Protein backbone atom coordinates (compact mmCIF):
# COMPACT_ATOMS: atom_id res chain seq x y z
CA LYS A 1 14.64 6.07 -8.58
CA GLU A 2 17.34 3.61 -7.69
CA ARG A 3 21.02 4.60 -7.76
CA GLU A 4 21.36 3.08 -11.23
CA GLY A 5 18.53 5.31 -12.47
CA ASN A 6 15.94 2.54 -12.68
CA ARG A 7 12.49 3.16 -11.31
CA GLY A 8 12.19 1.56 -7.87
CA LYS A 9 9.39 0.55 -5.56
CA VAL A 10 7.80 2.70 -2.86
CA VAL A 11 7.49 1.15 0.59
CA PHE A 12 4.24 1.90 2.42
CA GLU A 13 3.81 1.16 6.12
CA VAL A 14 0.66 1.37 8.21
CA ALA A 15 -0.20 0.59 11.83
CA ASP A 16 -3.28 -1.08 13.27
CA ARG A 17 -4.29 -1.04 16.93
CA ALA A 18 -5.07 -4.76 16.90
CA PRO A 19 -1.80 -6.71 17.34
CA ASN A 20 -2.89 -9.60 15.10
CA ALA A 21 -4.64 -7.55 12.42
CA VAL A 22 -4.69 -8.59 8.80
CA ILE A 23 -4.76 -5.69 6.33
CA TYR A 24 -5.91 -6.12 2.74
CA TRP A 25 -4.33 -3.68 0.29
CA HIS A 26 -6.02 -2.36 -2.87
CA ALA A 27 -4.88 0.22 -5.42
CA ASP A 28 -7.23 1.54 -8.10
CA ASP A 29 -9.72 -1.28 -7.31
CA THR A 30 -7.01 -3.93 -7.81
CA TYR A 31 -6.14 -6.27 -4.93
CA LEU A 32 -2.42 -6.05 -4.11
CA GLY A 33 -2.18 -8.54 -1.26
CA PHE A 34 -2.36 -8.64 2.51
CA THR A 35 -0.09 -8.12 5.49
CA HIS A 36 -0.27 -9.68 8.96
CA LYS A 37 1.15 -8.10 12.13
CA THR A 38 3.88 -6.13 10.29
CA HIS A 39 2.16 -3.93 7.73
CA SER A 40 4.72 -2.97 5.12
CA MET A 41 4.31 -3.38 1.36
CA GLU A 42 6.53 -2.51 -1.61
CA ILE A 43 4.49 -1.05 -4.44
CA ASN A 44 5.48 -0.22 -8.02
CA LEU A 45 2.78 1.51 -10.05
CA PRO A 46 2.99 3.62 -13.21
CA ALA A 47 3.24 7.39 -12.97
CA GLY A 48 0.00 9.15 -12.13
CA MET A 49 -2.54 9.50 -9.33
CA HIS A 50 -3.49 6.26 -7.58
CA HIS A 51 -6.30 5.63 -5.10
CA PHE A 52 -5.54 3.24 -2.24
CA THR A 53 -7.96 1.44 0.05
CA LEU A 54 -6.72 -0.57 3.02
CA VAL A 55 -9.21 -2.71 4.97
CA ASP A 56 -8.49 -4.69 8.11
CA ASN A 57 -10.10 -7.93 9.21
CA ASN A 58 -12.28 -6.00 11.69
CA GLY A 59 -13.87 -3.87 8.96
CA GLY A 60 -11.81 -0.75 9.59
CA ALA A 61 -10.73 1.04 6.42
CA ILE A 62 -8.60 3.93 5.25
CA GLN A 63 -8.46 5.53 1.82
CA PHE A 64 -5.84 7.86 0.41
CA GLN A 65 -4.38 9.01 -2.88
CA VAL A 66 -0.74 9.12 -3.92
CA LEU A 67 0.80 10.76 -6.96
CA PHE A 68 3.57 8.59 -8.41
CA LEU A 69 6.11 10.60 -10.42
CA ASP A 70 8.12 9.18 -13.27
């Protein structure tokens, strides 16, 4: 939550060994966008468990789940 009490965004950061990697971000099978070189994304999803899949332009992938609280 923000100082004012409003629900804020969560900032996720990931690293890739390839210096020029492009990472494609998905949450719950919905495409969120991509990052290039600096891999940081602000995400605001409703409360509940969310499944993330990140795929780079070389075919590498990572999956994880995050519980967003209200």
